[in-house]
């Protein structure tokens, strides 16, 4: 049996209700919730983690990518498939273009392909 987690629309970096007294706390809660997902995977490993768009609320900063990459490196047994969404799309000057992920497979239209995992699951971004 293959175990997987599917996430989308995490929106790291979002500041809900910007300007309100609780804005910063909500922003931190979003990051902490995603971190807890990774900790949960470390405690109860899964084969695949799919992140189907909008991991970030806007174009990620280099430091944000490094933080997420560090968390991904903590779950080396899990294959990670990451796709950009409409908020964190891959534009010309995006850090996504040159960033070297430790363990994830970043899916774009340019590298769209069929991926094979344990000869049973086939995935495509097309």
PDB file of N, CA and C in Angstrom:
ATOM      1  N   UNK A   1       0.841  -1.184   0.000  1.00  0.00           N
ATOM      2  CA  UNK A   1       0.000   0.000   0.000  1.00  0.00           C
ATOM      3  C   UNK A   1       0.884   1.245   0.000  1.00  0.00           C
ATOM      4  N   UNK A   2       0.502   2.200  -0.777  1.00  0.00           N
ATOM      5  CA  UNK A   2       1.221   3.470  -0.847  1.00  0.00           C
ATOM      6  C   UNK A   2       0.490   4.493   0.005  1.00  0.00           C
ATOM      7  N   UNK A   3       1.269   5.146   0.865  1.00  0.00           N
ATOM      8  CA  UNK A   3       0.709   6.186   1.729  1.00  0.00           C
ATOM      9  C   UNK A   3       1.153   7.542   1.201  1.00  0.00           C
ATOM     10  N   UNK A   4       0.199   8.488   1.127  1.00  0.00           N
ATOM     11  CA  UNK A   4       0.561   9.817   0.641  1.00  0.00           C
ATOM     12  C   UNK A   4      -0.254  10.885   1.351  1.00  0.00           C
ATOM     13  N   UNK A   5       0.276  12.102   1.279  1.00  0.00           N
ATOM     14  CA  UNK A   5      -0.413  13.295   1.776  1.00  0.00           C
ATOM     15  C   UNK A   5      -0.501  14.266   0.614  1.00  0.00           C
ATOM     16  N   UNK A   6      -1.677  14.854   0.441  1.00  0.00           N
ATOM     17  CA  UNK A   6      -1.891  15.856  -0.602  1.00  0.00           C
ATOM     18  C   UNK A   6      -2.240  17.179   0.074  1.00  0.00           C
ATOM     19  N   UNK A   7      -1.505  18.224  -0.277  1.00  0.00           N
ATOM     20  CA  UNK A   7      -1.768  19.563   0.234  1.00  0.00           C
ATOM     21  C   UNK A   7      -1.891  20.532  -0.933  1.00  0.00           C
ATOM     22  N   UNK A   8      -2.631  21.574  -0.727  1.00  0.00           N
ATOM     23  CA  UNK A   8      -2.619  22.698  -1.668  1.00  0.00           C
ATOM     24  C   UNK A   8      -3.036  23.941  -0.906  1.00  0.00           C
ATOM     25  N   UNK A   9      -2.714  25.062  -1.475  1.00  0.00           N
ATOM     26  CA  UNK A   9      -3.127  26.351  -0.907  1.00  0.00           C
ATOM     27  C   UNK A   9      -2.692  26.537   0.542  1.00  0.00           C
ATOM     28  N   UNK A  10      -1.451  26.217   0.826  1.00  0.00           N
ATOM     29  CA  UNK A  10      -0.901  26.428   2.175  1.00  0.00           C
ATOM     30  C   UNK A  10      -0.718  27.922   2.417  1.00  0.00           C
ATOM     31  N   UNK A  11      -0.230  28.637   1.439  1.00  0.00           N
ATOM     32  CA  UNK A  11      -0.063  30.096   1.464  1.00  0.00           C
ATOM     33  C   UNK A  11       0.907  30.582   2.537  1.00  0.00           C
ATOM     34  N   UNK A  12       2.088  29.949   2.603  1.00  0.00           N
ATOM     35  CA  UNK A  12       3.144  30.448   3.486  1.00  0.00           C
ATOM     36  C   UNK A  12       3.471  31.883   3.097  1.00  0.00           C
ATOM     37  N   UNK A  13       3.649  32.729   4.082  1.00  0.00           N
ATOM     38  CA  UNK A  13       3.947  34.137   3.827  1.00  0.00           C
ATOM     39  C   UNK A  13       2.728  35.032   3.783  1.00  0.00           C
ATOM     40  N   UNK A  14       1.547  34.446   3.820  1.00  0.00           N
ATOM     41  CA  UNK A  14       0.332  35.266   3.857  1.00  0.00           C
ATOM     42  C   UNK A  14       0.235  35.940   5.219  1.00  0.00           C
ATOM     43  N   UNK A  15      -0.295  37.135   5.225  1.00  0.00           N
ATOM     44  CA  UNK A  15      -0.532  37.865   6.472  1.00  0.00           C
ATOM     45  C   UNK A  15      -2.027  38.157   6.536  1.00  0.00           C
ATOM     46  N   UNK A  16      -2.795  37.223   7.083  1.00  0.00           N
ATOM     47  CA  UNK A  16      -4.244  37.420   7.154  1.00  0.00           C
ATOM     48  C   UNK A  16      -4.611  38.657   7.983  1.00  0.00           C
ATOM     49  N   UNK A  17      -5.571  39.390   7.499  1.00  0.00           N
ATOM     50  CA  UNK A  17      -6.061  40.583   8.209  1.00  0.00           C
ATOM     51  C   UNK A  17      -4.926  41.553   8.533  1.00  0.00           C
ATOM     52  N   UNK A  18      -4.063  41.796   7.542  1.00  0.00           N
ATOM     53  CA  UNK A  18      -2.903  42.675   7.719  1.00  0.00           C
ATOM     54  C   UNK A  18      -3.317  43.963   8.440  1.00  0.00           C
ATOM     55  N   UNK A  19      -2.527  44.325   9.434  1.00  0.00           N
ATOM     56  CA  UNK A  19      -2.777  45.542  10.183  1.00  0.00           C
ATOM     57  C   UNK A  19      -3.571  45.331  11.464  1.00  0.00           C
ATOM     58  N   UNK A  20      -4.168  44.174  11.610  1.00  0.00           N
ATOM     59  CA  UNK A  20      -4.910  43.874  12.832  1.00  0.00           C
ATOM     60  C   UNK A  20      -3.940  43.366  13.898  1.00  0.00           C
ATOM     61  N   UNK A  21      -4.312  43.477  15.156  1.00  0.00           N
ATOM     62  CA  UNK A  21      -3.412  43.040  16.227  1.00  0.00           C
ATOM     63  C   UNK A  21      -2.988  41.571  16.130  1.00  0.00           C
ATOM     64  N   UNK A  22      -3.794  40.733  15.524  1.00  0.00           N
ATOM     65  CA  UNK A  22      -3.509  39.301  15.454  1.00  0.00           C
ATOM     66  C   UNK A  22      -2.838  38.868  14.146  1.00  0.00           C
ATOM     67  N   UNK A  23      -2.573  39.816  13.240  1.00  0.00           N
ATOM     68  CA  UNK A  23      -2.042  39.494  11.911  1.00  0.00           C
ATOM     69  C   UNK A  23      -0.753  38.683  11.973  1.00  0.00           C
ATOM     70  N   UNK A  24       0.219  39.159  12.737  1.00  0.00           N
ATOM     71  CA  UNK A  24       1.511  38.474  12.806  1.00  0.00           C
ATOM     72  C   UNK A  24       1.351  37.069  13.388  1.00  0.00           C
ATOM     73  N   UNK A  25       0.505  36.955  14.395  1.00  0.00           N
ATOM     74  CA  UNK A  25       0.265  35.641  15.015  1.00  0.00           C
ATOM     75  C   UNK A  25      -0.333  34.658  13.996  1.00  0.00           C
ATOM     76  N   UNK A  26      -1.252  35.112  13.186  1.00  0.00           N
ATOM     77  CA  UNK A  26      -1.855  34.243  12.148  1.00  0.00           C
ATOM     78  C   UNK A  26      -0.830  33.839  11.111  1.00  0.00           C
ATOM     79  N   UNK A  27       0.041  34.785  10.714  1.00  0.00           N
ATOM     80  CA  UNK A  27       1.102  34.467   9.758  1.00  0.00           C
ATOM     81  C   UNK A  27       1.992  33.355  10.312  1.00  0.00           C
ATOM     82  N   UNK A  28       2.379  33.479  11.569  1.00  0.00           N
ATOM     83  CA  UNK A  28       3.230  32.465  12.207  1.00  0.00           C
ATOM     84  C   UNK A  28       2.503  31.125  12.337  1.00  0.00           C
ATOM     85  N   UNK A  29       1.198  31.157  12.582  1.00  0.00           N
ATOM     86  CA  UNK A  29       0.420  29.912  12.687  1.00  0.00           C
ATOM     87  C   UNK A  29       0.431  29.132  11.376  1.00  0.00           C
ATOM     88  N   UNK A  30       0.403  29.826  10.245  1.00  0.00           N
ATOM     89  CA  UNK A  30       0.438  29.150   8.948  1.00  0.00           C
ATOM     90  C   UNK A  30       1.763  28.414   8.784  1.00  0.00           C
ATOM     91  N   UNK A  31       2.877  29.091   9.100  1.00  0.00           N
ATOM     92  CA  UNK A  31       4.189  28.445   9.023  1.00  0.00           C
ATOM     93  C   UNK A  31       4.270  27.262   9.992  1.00  0.00           C
ATOM     94  N   UNK A  32       3.784  27.456  11.194  1.00  0.00           N
ATOM     95  CA  UNK A  32       3.847  26.394  12.214  1.00  0.00           C
ATOM     96  C   UNK A  32       3.002  25.193  11.807  1.00  0.00           C
ATOM     97  N   UNK A  33       1.864  25.424  11.226  1.00  0.00           N
ATOM     98  CA  UNK A  33       1.014  24.314  10.780  1.00  0.00           C
ATOM     99  C   UNK A  33       1.722  23.496   9.706  1.00  0.00           C
ATOM    100  N   UNK A  34       2.370  24.158   8.758  1.00  0.00           N
ATOM    101  CA  UNK A  34       3.105  23.419   7.728  1.00  0.00           C
ATOM    102  C   UNK A  34       4.273  22.651   8.345  1.00  0.00           C
ATOM    103  N   UNK A  35       4.979  23.270   9.279  1.00  0.00           N
ATOM    104  CA  UNK A  35       6.078  22.585   9.971  1.00  0.00           C
ATOM    105  C   UNK A  35       5.567  21.334  10.683  1.00  0.00           C
ATOM    106  N   UNK A  36       4.390  21.432  11.295  1.00  0.00           N
ATOM    107  CA  UNK A  36       3.822  20.263  11.995  1.00  0.00           C
ATOM    108  C   UNK A  36       3.458  19.147  11.029  1.00  0.00           C
ATOM    109  N   UNK A  37       3.084  19.476   9.809  1.00  0.00           N
ATOM    110  CA  UNK A  37       2.844  18.442   8.799  1.00  0.00           C
ATOM    111  C   UNK A  37       4.136  17.664   8.558  1.00  0.00           C
ATOM    112  N   UNK A  38       5.246  18.379   8.426  1.00  0.00           N
ATOM    113  CA  UNK A  38       6.536  17.733   8.188  1.00  0.00           C
ATOM    114  C   UNK A  38       6.939  16.891   9.398  1.00  0.00           C
ATOM    115  N   UNK A  39       6.750  17.405  10.592  1.00  0.00           N
ATOM    116  CA  UNK A  39       7.047  16.641  11.810  1.00  0.00           C
ATOM    117  C   UNK A  39       6.187  15.381  11.862  1.00  0.00           C
ATOM    118  N   UNK A  40       4.922  15.509  11.481  1.00  0.00           N
ATOM    119  CA  UNK A  40       4.029  14.352  11.445  1.00  0.00           C
ATOM    120  C   UNK A  40       4.514  13.295  10.471  1.00  0.00           C
ATOM    121  N   UNK A  41       5.041  13.725   9.332  1.00  0.00           N
ATOM    122  CA  UNK A  41       5.575  12.781   8.355  1.00  0.00           C
ATOM    123  C   UNK A  41       6.823  12.098   8.909  1.00  0.00           C
ATOM    124  N   UNK A  42       7.632  12.825   9.666  1.00  0.00           N
ATOM    125  CA  UNK A  42       8.819  12.201  10.282  1.00  0.00           C
ATOM    126  C   UNK A  42       8.399  11.115  11.269  1.00  0.00           C
ATOM    127  N   UNK A  43       7.344  11.371  12.019  1.00  0.00           N
ATOM    128  CA  UNK A  43       6.879  10.395  13.021  1.00  0.00           C
ATOM    129  C   UNK A  43       6.137   9.232  12.384  1.00  0.00           C
ATOM    130  N   UNK A  44       5.371   9.513  11.336  1.00  0.00           N
ATOM    131  CA  UNK A  44       4.583   8.501  10.624  1.00  0.00           C
ATOM    132  C   UNK A  44       4.848   8.656   9.133  1.00  0.00           C
ATOM    133  N   UNK A  45       5.942   8.090   8.652  1.00  0.00           N
ATOM    134  CA  UNK A  45       6.360   8.324   7.264  1.00  0.00           C
ATOM    135  C   UNK A  45       5.307   7.955   6.225  1.00  0.00           C
ATOM    136  N   UNK A  46       5.314   8.731   5.156  1.00  0.00           N
ATOM    137  CA  UNK A  46       4.487   8.458   3.984  1.00  0.00           C
ATOM    138  C   UNK A  46       5.413   8.324   2.782  1.00  0.00           C
ATOM    139  N   UNK A  47       4.924   7.695   1.739  1.00  0.00           N
ATOM    140  CA  UNK A  47       5.726   7.509   0.540  1.00  0.00           C
ATOM    141  C   UNK A  47       5.824   8.783  -0.295  1.00  0.00           C
ATOM    142  N   UNK A  48       4.726   9.512  -0.363  1.00  0.00           N
ATOM    143  CA  UNK A  48       4.656  10.688  -1.237  1.00  0.00           C
ATOM    144  C   UNK A  48       4.010  11.867  -0.530  1.00  0.00           C
ATOM    145  N   UNK A  49       4.530  13.052  -0.816  1.00  0.00           N
ATOM    146  CA  UNK A  49       3.908  14.296  -0.390  1.00  0.00           C
ATOM    147  C   UNK A  49       3.677  15.118  -1.656  1.00  0.00           C
ATOM    148  N   UNK A  50       2.418  15.361  -1.976  1.00  0.00           N
ATOM    149  CA  UNK A  50       2.049  16.179  -3.130  1.00  0.00           C
ATOM    150  C   UNK A  50       1.651  17.561  -2.636  1.00  0.00           C
ATOM    151  N   UNK A  51       2.262  18.590  -3.182  1.00  0.00           N
ATOM    152  CA  UNK A  51       1.859  19.961  -2.872  1.00  0.00           C
ATOM    153  C   UNK A  51       1.417  20.572  -4.196  1.00  0.00           C
ATOM    154  N   UNK A  52       0.117  20.672  -4.354  1.00  0.00           N
ATOM    155  CA  UNK A  52      -0.476  21.012  -5.649  1.00  0.00           C
ATOM    156  C   UNK A  52      -0.811  22.492  -5.756  1.00  0.00           C
ATOM    157  N   UNK A  53       0.189  23.329  -5.636  1.00  0.00           N
ATOM    158  CA  UNK A  53       0.010  24.750  -5.876  1.00  0.00           C
ATOM    159  C   UNK A  53      -0.151  25.599  -4.636  1.00  0.00           C
ATOM    160  N   UNK A  54       0.390  26.796  -4.742  1.00  0.00           N
ATOM    161  CA  UNK A  54       0.291  27.832  -3.714  1.00  0.00           C
ATOM    162  C   UNK A  54       0.833  27.398  -2.354  1.00  0.00           C
ATOM    163  N   UNK A  55       2.005  26.778  -2.360  1.00  0.00           N
ATOM    164  CA  UNK A  55       2.701  26.567  -1.089  1.00  0.00           C
ATOM    165  C   UNK A  55       2.980  27.932  -0.473  1.00  0.00           C
ATOM    166  N   UNK A  56       3.307  28.914  -1.319  1.00  0.00           N
ATOM    167  CA  UNK A  56       3.556  30.281  -0.871  1.00  0.00           C
ATOM    168  C   UNK A  56       2.431  31.198  -1.333  1.00  0.00           C
ATOM    169  N   UNK A  57       2.232  32.263  -0.595  1.00  0.00           N
ATOM    170  CA  UNK A  57       1.170  33.219  -0.909  1.00  0.00           C
ATOM    171  C   UNK A  57       1.559  34.158  -2.052  1.00  0.00           C
ATOM    172  N   UNK A  58       2.854  34.327  -2.242  1.00  0.00           N
ATOM    173  CA  UNK A  58       3.386  35.174  -3.323  1.00  0.00           C
ATOM    174  C   UNK A  58       4.719  34.581  -3.731  1.00  0.00           C
ATOM    175  N   UNK A  59       5.428  35.248  -4.608  1.00  0.00           N
ATOM    176  CA  UNK A  59       6.738  34.750  -4.997  1.00  0.00           C
ATOM    177  C   UNK A  59       7.585  34.565  -3.740  1.00  0.00           C
ATOM    178  N   UNK A  60       8.096  33.353  -3.518  1.00  0.00           N
ATOM    179  CA  UNK A  60       8.843  33.115  -2.281  1.00  0.00           C
ATOM    180  C   UNK A  60      10.195  33.822  -2.281  1.00  0.00           C
ATOM    181  N   UNK A  61      10.575  34.268  -1.106  1.00  0.00           N
ATOM    182  CA  UNK A  61      11.908  34.820  -0.917  1.00  0.00           C
ATOM    183  C   UNK A  61      12.895  33.667  -0.803  1.00  0.00           C
ATOM    184  N   UNK A  62      14.146  33.925  -1.070  1.00  0.00           N
ATOM    185  CA  UNK A  62      15.162  32.884  -1.011  1.00  0.00           C
ATOM    186  C   UNK A  62      15.220  32.247   0.375  1.00  0.00           C
ATOM    187  N   UNK A  63      15.133  33.043   1.415  1.00  0.00           N
ATOM    188  CA  UNK A  63      15.152  32.521   2.784  1.00  0.00           C
ATOM    189  C   UNK A  63      13.969  31.605   3.076  1.00  0.00           C
ATOM    190  N   UNK A  64      12.820  31.929   2.499  1.00  0.00           N
ATOM    191  CA  UNK A  64      11.649  31.073   2.683  1.00  0.00           C
ATOM    192  C   UNK A  64      11.850  29.723   2.002  1.00  0.00           C
ATOM    193  N   UNK A  65      12.425  29.742   0.790  1.00  0.00           N
ATOM    194  CA  UNK A  65      12.705  28.484   0.094  1.00  0.00           C
ATOM    195  C   UNK A  65      13.718  27.653   0.882  1.00  0.00           C
ATOM    196  N   UNK A  66      14.719  28.313   1.436  1.00  0.00           N
ATOM    197  CA  UNK A  66      15.726  27.591   2.236  1.00  0.00           C
ATOM    198  C   UNK A  66      15.089  26.933   3.456  1.00  0.00           C
ATOM    199  N   UNK A  67      14.171  27.639   4.124  1.00  0.00           N
ATOM    200  CA  UNK A  67      13.507  27.073   5.305  1.00  0.00           C
ATOM    201  C   UNK A  67      12.699  25.840   4.931  1.00  0.00           C
ATOM    202  N   UNK A  68      11.910  25.945   3.880  1.00  0.00           N
ATOM    203  CA  UNK A  68      11.095  24.809   3.441  1.00  0.00           C
ATOM    204  C   UNK A  68      11.995  23.657   2.999  1.00  0.00           C
ATOM    205  N   UNK A  69      13.068  23.967   2.307  1.00  0.00           N
ATOM    206  CA  UNK A  69      14.008  22.938   1.863  1.00  0.00           C
ATOM    207  C   UNK A  69      14.627  22.203   3.056  1.00  0.00           C
ATOM    208  N   UNK A  70      14.933  22.937   4.108  1.00  0.00           N
ATOM    209  CA  UNK A  70      15.466  22.323   5.330  1.00  0.00           C
ATOM    210  C   UNK A  70      14.446  21.348   5.928  1.00  0.00           C
ATOM    211  N   UNK A  71      13.195  21.746   5.942  1.00  0.00           N
ATOM    212  CA  UNK A  71      12.153  20.852   6.450  1.00  0.00           C
ATOM    213  C   UNK A  71      11.997  19.629   5.550  1.00  0.00           C
ATOM    214  N   UNK A  72      12.030  19.833   4.237  1.00  0.00           N
ATOM    215  CA  UNK A  72      11.934  18.697   3.310  1.00  0.00           C
ATOM    216  C   UNK A  72      13.090  17.727   3.511  1.00  0.00           C
ATOM    217  N   UNK A  73      14.276  18.241   3.775  1.00  0.00           N
ATOM    218  CA  UNK A  73      15.454  17.387   3.984  1.00  0.00           C
ATOM    219  C   UNK A  73      15.289  16.503   5.214  1.00  0.00           C
ATOM    220  N   UNK A  74      14.416  16.887   6.128  1.00  0.00           N
ATOM    221  CA  UNK A  74      14.177  16.104   7.348  1.00  0.00           C
ATOM    222  C   UNK A  74      13.300  14.882   7.099  1.00  0.00           C
ATOM    223  N   UNK A  75      12.751  14.756   5.881  1.00  0.00           N
ATOM    224  CA  UNK A  75      11.913  13.597   5.545  1.00  0.00           C
ATOM    225  C   UNK A  75      12.441  12.939   4.260  1.00  0.00           C
ATOM    226  N   UNK A  76      13.686  12.461   4.298  1.00  0.00           N
ATOM    227  CA  UNK A  76      14.309  11.953   3.063  1.00  0.00           C
ATOM    228  C   UNK A  76      13.650  10.712   2.477  1.00  0.00           C
ATOM    229  N   UNK A  77      12.888   9.977   3.272  1.00  0.00           N
ATOM    230  CA  UNK A  77      12.230   8.767   2.766  1.00  0.00           C
ATOM    231  C   UNK A  77      10.982   9.092   1.956  1.00  0.00           C
ATOM    232  N   UNK A  78      10.532  10.330   2.021  1.00  0.00           N
ATOM    233  CA  UNK A  78       9.312  10.753   1.343  1.00  0.00           C
ATOM    234  C   UNK A  78       9.660  11.465   0.039  1.00  0.00           C
ATOM    235  N   UNK A  79       9.080  11.009  -1.054  1.00  0.00           N
ATOM    236  CA  UNK A  79       9.239  11.720  -2.324  1.00  0.00           C
ATOM    237  C   UNK A  79       8.270  12.889  -2.324  1.00  0.00           C
ATOM    238  N   UNK A  80       8.777  14.050  -2.702  1.00  0.00           N
ATOM    239  CA  UNK A  80       7.986  15.268  -2.650  1.00  0.00           C
ATOM    240  C   UNK A  80       7.803  15.803  -4.063  1.00  0.00           C
ATOM    241  N   UNK A  81       6.548  16.031  -4.440  1.00  0.00           N
ATOM    242  CA  UNK A  81       6.220  16.616  -5.726  1.00  0.00           C
ATOM    243  C   UNK A  81       5.581  17.974  -5.460  1.00  0.00           C
ATOM    244  N   UNK A  82       6.213  19.013  -5.974  1.00  0.00           N
ATOM    245  CA  UNK A  82       5.808  20.384  -5.694  1.00  0.00           C
ATOM    246  C   UNK A  82       5.464  21.090  -7.000  1.00  0.00           C
ATOM    247  N   UNK A  83       4.305  21.721  -7.038  1.00  0.00           N
ATOM    248  CA  UNK A  83       3.878  22.487  -8.200  1.00  0.00           C
ATOM    249  C   UNK A  83       3.570  23.920  -7.772  1.00  0.00           C
ATOM    250  N   UNK A  84       3.903  24.853  -8.617  1.00  0.00           N
ATOM    251  CA  UNK A  84       3.561  26.249  -8.348  1.00  0.00           C
ATOM    252  C   UNK A  84       2.070  26.440  -8.612  1.00  0.00           C
ATOM    253  N   UNK A  85       1.522  27.475  -8.025  1.00  0.00           N
ATOM    254  CA  UNK A  85       0.102  27.765  -8.224  1.00  0.00           C
ATOM    255  C   UNK A  85      -0.091  29.142  -8.824  1.00  0.00           C
ATOM    256  N   UNK A  86      -1.262  29.700  -8.676  1.00  0.00           N
ATOM    257  CA  UNK A  86      -1.523  31.018  -9.247  1.00  0.00           C
ATOM    258  C   UNK A  86      -0.979  32.149  -8.376  1.00  0.00           C
ATOM    259  N   UNK A  87      -0.690  31.891  -7.110  1.00  0.00           N
ATOM    260  CA  UNK A  87      -0.085  32.907  -6.252  1.00  0.00           C
ATOM    261  C   UNK A  87       1.441  32.862  -6.307  1.00  0.00           C
ATOM    262  N   UNK A  88       2.004  31.670  -6.380  1.00  0.00           N
ATOM    263  CA  UNK A  88       3.467  31.521  -6.379  1.00  0.00           C
ATOM    264  C   UNK A  88       3.968  30.978  -7.713  1.00  0.00           C
ATOM    265  N   UNK A  89       3.334  31.415  -8.798  1.00  0.00           N
ATOM    266  CA  UNK A  89       3.679  30.958 -10.142  1.00  0.00           C
ATOM    267  C   UNK A  89       5.154  31.259 -10.446  1.00  0.00           C
ATOM    268  N   UNK A  90       5.664  30.599 -11.466  1.00  0.00           N
ATOM    269  CA  UNK A  90       7.077  30.742 -11.800  1.00  0.00           C
ATOM    270  C   UNK A  90       7.240  31.857 -12.824  1.00  0.00           C
ATOM    271  N   UNK A  91       7.608  33.025 -12.348  1.00  0.00           N
ATOM    272  CA  UNK A  91       7.844  34.125 -13.285  1.00  0.00           C
ATOM    273  C   UNK A  91       9.337  34.202 -13.600  1.00  0.00           C
ATOM    274  N   UNK A  92       9.698  35.079 -14.506  1.00  0.00           N
ATOM    275  CA  UNK A  92      11.074  35.138 -15.014  1.00  0.00           C
ATOM    276  C   UNK A  92      12.128  35.256 -13.911  1.00  0.00           C
ATOM    277  N   UNK A  93      11.907  36.119 -12.925  1.00  0.00           N
ATOM    278  CA  UNK A  93      12.926  36.347 -11.902  1.00  0.00           C
ATOM    279  C   UNK A  93      12.644  35.588 -10.600  1.00  0.00           C
ATOM    280  N   UNK A  94      11.801  34.587 -10.660  1.00  0.00           N
ATOM    281  CA  UNK A  94      11.456  33.812  -9.474  1.00  0.00           C
ATOM    282  C   UNK A  94      12.645  32.996  -8.975  1.00  0.00           C
ATOM    283  N   UNK A  95      12.817  32.969  -7.664  1.00  0.00           N
ATOM    284  CA  UNK A  95      13.852  32.126  -7.067  1.00  0.00           C
ATOM    285  C   UNK A  95      13.581  30.649  -7.345  1.00  0.00           C
ATOM    286  N   UNK A  96      12.338  30.307  -7.631  1.00  0.00           N
ATOM    287  CA  UNK A  96      12.006  28.923  -7.987  1.00  0.00           C
ATOM    288  C   UNK A  96      12.866  28.419  -9.154  1.00  0.00           C
ATOM    289  N   UNK A  97      13.188  29.300 -10.088  1.00  0.00           N
ATOM    290  CA  UNK A  97      13.885  28.891 -11.311  1.00  0.00           C
ATOM    291  C   UNK A  97      15.272  28.319 -11.058  1.00  0.00           C
ATOM    292  N   UNK A  98      15.972  28.832 -10.070  1.00  0.00           N
ATOM    293  CA  UNK A  98      17.360  28.411  -9.849  1.00  0.00           C
ATOM    294  C   UNK A  98      17.570  27.655  -8.548  1.00  0.00           C
ATOM    295  N   UNK A  99      16.545  27.584  -7.729  1.00  0.00           N
ATOM    296  CA  UNK A  99      16.725  26.971  -6.413  1.00  0.00           C
ATOM    297  C   UNK A  99      16.968  25.473  -6.542  1.00  0.00           C
ATOM    298  N   UNK A 100      17.925  24.954  -5.760  1.00  0.00           N
ATOM    299  CA  UNK A 100      18.249  23.532  -5.788  1.00  0.00           C
ATOM    300  C   UNK A 100      17.634  22.870  -4.563  1.00  0.00           C
ATOM    301  N   UNK A 101      16.563  22.130  -4.820  1.00  0.00           N
ATOM    302  CA  UNK A 101      15.859  21.423  -3.753  1.00  0.00           C
ATOM    303  C   UNK A 101      16.648  20.193  -3.333  1.00  0.00           C
ATOM    304  N   UNK A 102      16.625  19.911  -2.052  1.00  0.00           N
ATOM    305  CA  UNK A 102      17.345  18.751  -1.523  1.00  0.00           C
ATOM    306  C   UNK A 102      16.679  17.448  -1.945  1.00  0.00           C
ATOM    307  N   UNK A 103      15.366  17.396  -1.862  1.00  0.00           N
ATOM    308  CA  UNK A 103      14.697  16.115  -2.073  1.00  0.00           C
ATOM    309  C   UNK A 103      13.458  16.179  -2.936  1.00  0.00           C
ATOM    310  N   UNK A 104      13.008  17.344  -3.312  1.00  0.00           N
ATOM    311  CA  UNK A 104      11.720  17.416  -3.997  1.00  0.00           C
ATOM    312  C   UNK A 104      11.875  17.438  -5.504  1.00  0.00           C
ATOM    313  N   UNK A 105      10.793  17.129  -6.172  1.00  0.00           N
ATOM    314  CA  UNK A 105      10.705  17.218  -7.616  1.00  0.00           C
ATOM    315  C   UNK A 105       9.769  18.367  -7.919  1.00  0.00           C
ATOM    316  N   UNK A 106      10.307  19.411  -8.533  1.00  0.00           N
ATOM    317  CA  UNK A 106       9.483  20.570  -8.836  1.00  0.00           C
ATOM    318  C   UNK A 106       8.913  20.383 -10.234  1.00  0.00           C
ATOM    319  N   UNK A 107       7.607  20.342 -10.335  1.00  0.00           N
ATOM    320  CA  UNK A 107       6.951  20.079 -11.614  1.00  0.00           C
ATOM    321  C   UNK A 107       6.532  21.378 -12.281  1.00  0.00           C
ATOM    322  N   UNK A 108       6.974  21.546 -13.510  1.00  0.00           N
ATOM    323  CA  UNK A 108       6.587  22.709 -14.308  1.00  0.00           C
ATOM    324  C   UNK A 108       6.111  22.211 -15.663  1.00  0.00           C
ATOM    325  N   UNK A 109       5.569  23.086 -16.446  1.00  0.00           N
ATOM    326  CA  UNK A 109       5.144  22.664 -17.782  1.00  0.00           C
ATOM    327  C   UNK A 109       6.339  22.281 -18.637  1.00  0.00           C
ATOM    328  N   UNK A 110       7.494  22.907 -18.388  1.00  0.00           N
ATOM    329  CA  UNK A 110       8.678  22.588 -19.173  1.00  0.00           C
ATOM    330  C   UNK A 110       9.193  21.184 -18.877  1.00  0.00           C
ATOM    331  N   UNK A 111       9.094  20.749 -17.614  1.00  0.00           N
ATOM    332  CA  UNK A 111       9.601  19.412 -17.301  1.00  0.00           C
ATOM    333  C   UNK A 111       8.466  18.436 -17.041  1.00  0.00           C
ATOM    334  N   UNK A 112       7.308  18.780 -17.525  1.00  0.00           N
ATOM    335  CA  UNK A 112       6.146  17.923 -17.421  1.00  0.00           C
ATOM    336  C   UNK A 112       6.478  16.540 -17.975  1.00  0.00           C
ATOM    337  N   UNK A 113       6.191  15.560 -17.224  1.00  0.00           N
ATOM    338  CA  UNK A 113       6.535  14.205 -17.654  1.00  0.00           C
ATOM    339  C   UNK A 113       5.697  13.216 -16.869  1.00  0.00           C
ATOM    340  N   UNK A 114       5.823  12.002 -17.252  1.00  0.00           N
ATOM    341  CA  UNK A 114       5.175  10.947 -16.478  1.00  0.00           C
ATOM    342  C   UNK A 114       6.218  10.428 -15.501  1.00  0.00           C
ATOM    343  N   UNK A 115       5.855  10.401 -14.244  1.00  0.00           N
ATOM    344  CA  UNK A 115       6.754   9.932 -13.198  1.00  0.00           C
ATOM    345  C   UNK A 115       6.322   8.536 -12.784  1.00  0.00           C
ATOM    346  N   UNK A 116       7.266   7.672 -12.548  1.00  0.00           N
ATOM    347  CA  UNK A 116       6.939   6.324 -12.130  1.00  0.00           C
ATOM    348  C   UNK A 116       7.427   6.118 -10.706  1.00  0.00           C
ATOM    349  N   UNK A 117       6.592   5.583  -9.885  1.00  0.00           N
ATOM    350  CA  UNK A 117       6.928   5.316  -8.494  1.00  0.00           C
ATOM    351  C   UNK A 117       6.508   3.901  -8.158  1.00  0.00           C
ATOM    352  N   UNK A 118       7.467   3.088  -7.808  1.00  0.00           N
ATOM    353  CA  UNK A 118       7.196   1.693  -7.457  1.00  0.00           C
ATOM    354  C   UNK A 118       6.402   0.947  -8.521  1.00  0.00           C
ATOM    355  N   UNK A 119       6.559   1.363  -9.755  1.00  0.00           N
ATOM    356  CA  UNK A 119       5.935   0.713 -10.903  1.00  0.00           C
ATOM    357  C   UNK A 119       4.417   0.656 -10.824  1.00  0.00           C
ATOM    358  N   UNK A 120       3.806   1.461  -9.964  1.00  0.00           N
ATOM    359  CA  UNK A 120       2.351   1.382  -9.800  1.00  0.00           C
ATOM    360  C   UNK A 120       1.637   2.696 -10.038  1.00  0.00           C
ATOM    361  N   UNK A 121       2.266   3.814  -9.718  1.00  0.00           N
ATOM    362  CA  UNK A 121       1.581   5.104  -9.819  1.00  0.00           C
ATOM    363  C   UNK A 121       2.208   5.917 -10.935  1.00  0.00           C
ATOM    364  N   UNK A 122       1.373   6.507 -11.754  1.00  0.00           N
ATOM    365  CA  UNK A 122       1.864   7.369 -12.826  1.00  0.00           C
ATOM    366  C   UNK A 122       1.269   8.746 -12.652  1.00  0.00           C
ATOM    367  N   UNK A 123       2.106   9.731 -12.681  1.00  0.00           N
ATOM    368  CA  UNK A 123       1.681  11.110 -12.471  1.00  0.00           C
ATOM    369  C   UNK A 123       2.086  11.939 -13.653  1.00  0.00           C
ATOM    370  N   UNK A 124       1.314  12.930 -13.942  1.00  0.00           N
ATOM    371  CA  UNK A 124       1.675  13.851 -15.006  1.00  0.00           C
ATOM    372  C   UNK A 124       1.177  15.226 -14.654  1.00  0.00           C
ATOM    373  N   UNK A 125       1.906  16.253 -15.063  1.00  0.00           N
ATOM    374  CA  UNK A 125       1.434  17.624 -14.849  1.00  0.00           C
ATOM    375  C   UNK A 125       0.610  18.101 -16.022  1.00  0.00           C
ATOM    376  N   UNK A 126       0.515  17.302 -17.060  1.00  0.00           N
ATOM    377  CA  UNK A 126      -0.251  17.715 -18.246  1.00  0.00           C
ATOM    378  C   UNK A 126      -1.733  17.508 -18.035  1.00  0.00           C
TER     379      UNK A 126
END
